[in-house]
Amino acid sequence: MSTRSRIGIVNSDKTVSSIYCHFDGYPEGVGQTLLNHFTTKHQVQKLIDLGDISSLRRSTEAPAGHSFANAMPECTVAYGRDRGETNTEAITMDSLQYFFEIDFEEFGYIFDPVATRWIFKSQYHSDQTVRDLADVLESINKV
């Protein structure tokens, strides 16, 4: 079973570029990986440049032997690079507000490179407030 998410970055012109992620989109999965391993604009941009992904891992690099069918444990699996699919590039939206207003996947994550922080919104819960991802994970880990 998949828990889908959308991962994005605020661009210098205030547009938002984002990619689809198929698996483990909940905060304790994708959210924790983003917070732990994608902490700079450069790291996040490399992830976005991969296009849509099947699963997020700590690295965007593809070591020898990595493929969709033979994924290395720490390597993000991308539909374009690793399976040869087309039309998997990031999509760009006019604004952060528009990103969070559309009917996106179950969870949405945006990196703000100016504030160097991740923000988060869930489509699952009645509280659909945009929140700081670090705060969300802190409250989950307290339970």
Protein backbone atom coordinates (compact mmCIF):
# COMPACT_ATOMS: atom_id res chain seq x y z
CA MET A 1 0.00 0.00 0.00
CA SER A 2 1.26 3.46 -0.80
CA THR A 3 1.02 6.71 1.11
CA ARG A 4 1.54 9.38 -1.52
CA SER A 5 3.12 12.76 -1.01
CA ARG A 6 4.34 15.79 -2.92
CA ILE A 7 7.74 17.30 -2.20
CA GLY A 8 8.64 20.80 -3.34
CA ILE A 9 10.87 23.84 -3.06
CA VAL A 10 10.11 27.55 -3.12
CA ASN A 11 12.01 29.07 -6.05
CA SER A 12 13.64 32.52 -6.04
CA ASP A 13 10.68 33.93 -8.01
CA LYS A 14 8.27 32.56 -5.32
CA THR A 15 6.93 29.80 -7.58
CA VAL A 16 6.99 26.25 -6.22
CA SER A 17 8.50 23.28 -8.06
CA SER A 18 7.41 19.87 -6.80
CA ILE A 19 7.61 16.14 -7.44
CA TYR A 20 5.40 13.17 -6.63
CA CYS A 21 6.55 10.49 -4.17
CA HIS A 22 4.66 7.19 -4.15
CA PHE A 23 5.68 5.43 -0.93
CA ASP A 24 5.91 6.29 2.78
CA GLY A 25 4.61 9.85 2.47
CA TYR A 26 3.57 10.18 6.12
CA PRO A 27 5.62 12.48 8.38
CA GLU A 28 7.49 9.63 10.10
CA GLY A 29 8.62 8.36 6.67
CA VAL A 30 9.23 10.97 3.97
CA GLY A 31 9.00 13.82 6.48
CA GLN A 32 11.70 12.43 8.76
CA THR A 33 13.96 11.63 5.79
CA LEU A 34 13.60 15.17 4.44
CA LEU A 35 14.30 16.71 7.83
CA ASN A 36 17.35 14.51 8.45
CA HIS A 37 18.98 14.35 5.02
CA PHE A 38 17.72 17.22 2.83
CA THR A 39 18.63 20.34 4.78
CA THR A 40 20.13 22.64 2.14
CA LYS A 41 18.82 24.23 -1.03
CA HIS A 42 21.40 22.27 -3.04
CA GLN A 43 20.33 18.89 -1.59
CA VAL A 44 16.64 19.62 -2.09
CA GLN A 45 17.19 20.89 -5.64
CA LYS A 46 19.05 17.67 -6.55
CA LEU A 47 16.03 15.73 -5.29
CA ILE A 48 13.57 17.88 -7.25
CA ASP A 49 15.76 17.52 -10.37
CA LEU A 50 15.22 13.73 -10.22
CA GLY A 51 11.54 14.24 -11.02
CA ASP A 52 8.82 11.98 -9.65
CA ILE A 53 10.04 9.24 -7.34
CA SER A 54 8.85 5.89 -6.14
CA SER A 55 10.58 6.06 -2.76
CA LEU A 56 12.69 8.60 -0.91
CA ARG A 57 15.93 7.55 0.72
CA ARG A 58 18.82 9.51 2.21
CA SER A 59 20.75 9.86 -1.08
CA THR A 60 19.92 11.08 -4.58
CA GLU A 61 23.07 9.50 -6.04
CA ALA A 62 22.75 6.27 -8.02
CA PRO A 63 25.63 3.89 -7.33
CA ALA A 64 26.67 1.23 -9.83
CA GLY A 65 24.05 -1.50 -10.01
CA HIS A 66 21.18 0.66 -8.76
CA SER A 67 17.95 0.43 -10.76
CA PHE A 68 14.21 0.40 -10.19
CA ALA A 69 14.25 -3.42 -9.96
CA ASN A 70 17.47 -3.49 -7.93
CA ALA A 71 17.27 -0.47 -5.64
CA MET A 72 20.19 0.15 -3.32
CA PRO A 73 19.01 0.57 0.30
CA GLU A 74 20.06 4.20 0.81
CA CYS A 75 19.29 5.44 -2.72
CA THR A 76 16.16 7.32 -3.76
CA VAL A 77 14.29 5.49 -6.53
CA ALA A 78 13.26 7.78 -9.42
CA TYR A 79 10.79 6.87 -12.16
CA GLY A 80 12.75 8.63 -14.91
CA ARG A 81 16.34 7.82 -14.02
CA ASP A 82 15.76 4.32 -12.66
CA ARG A 83 12.86 3.00 -14.74
CA GLY A 84 13.20 5.04 -17.93
CA GLU A 85 9.75 6.63 -17.69
CA THR A 86 9.04 9.93 -19.40
CA ASN A 87 7.04 12.97 -18.26
CA THR A 88 8.26 12.63 -14.69
CA GLU A 89 9.75 16.12 -14.39
CA ALA A 90 8.88 18.46 -11.54
CA ILE A 91 5.82 20.65 -12.00
CA THR A 92 5.90 24.35 -11.14
CA MET A 93 3.01 26.18 -9.51
CA ASP A 94 2.48 29.92 -9.24
CA SER A 95 2.79 30.19 -5.46
CA LEU A 96 3.12 28.45 -2.14
CA GLN A 97 -0.49 29.31 -1.39
CA TYR A 98 -1.63 27.62 -4.61
CA PHE A 99 0.44 24.52 -3.82
CA PHE A 100 -1.36 24.06 -0.51
CA GLU A 101 -4.80 24.94 -1.92
CA ILE A 102 -4.84 22.32 -4.66
CA ASP A 103 -5.95 18.76 -4.07
CA PHE A 104 -2.47 17.25 -3.83
CA GLU A 105 -1.49 13.85 -2.52
CA GLU A 106 -2.11 12.85 1.11
CA PHE A 107 0.87 14.84 2.41
CA GLY A 108 2.66 17.93 1.10
CA TYR A 109 6.19 19.04 2.00
CA ILE A 110 7.81 22.31 0.93
CA PHE A 111 11.37 23.45 1.55
CA ASP A 112 11.79 27.17 2.08
CA PRO A 113 15.44 27.90 1.22
CA VAL A 114 15.34 31.41 2.70
CA ALA A 115 14.21 30.16 6.12
CA THR A 116 16.01 26.81 5.59
CA ARG A 117 13.04 24.87 6.92
CA TRP A 118 10.46 22.35 5.79
CA ILE A 119 6.75 23.09 6.06
CA PHE A 120 4.03 20.48 5.93
CA LYS A 121 0.33 19.96 5.35
CA SER A 122 -1.78 16.83 5.62
CA GLN A 123 -4.89 16.19 3.54
CA TYR A 124 -5.79 13.32 5.90
CA HIS A 125 -6.63 15.17 9.08
CA SER A 126 -9.36 17.64 9.92
CA ASP A 127 -6.60 20.10 10.90
CA GLN A 128 -5.19 21.03 7.51
CA THR A 129 -3.04 23.87 8.82
CA VAL A 130 0.33 24.42 7.18
CA ARG A 131 2.88 23.72 9.91
CA ASP A 132 6.60 23.54 10.49
CA LEU A 133 7.67 19.93 9.81
CA ALA A 134 10.12 19.86 12.73
CA ASP A 135 7.26 20.80 15.10
CA VAL A 136 5.00 18.12 13.61
CA LEU A 137 7.62 15.41 14.06
CA GLU A 138 8.43 16.59 17.58
CA SER A 139 4.77 16.26 18.58
CA ILE A 140 4.51 12.81 16.95
CA ASN A 141 7.66 11.58 18.69
CA LYS A 142 6.35 12.72 22.09
CA VAL A 143 3.39 10.35 21.84
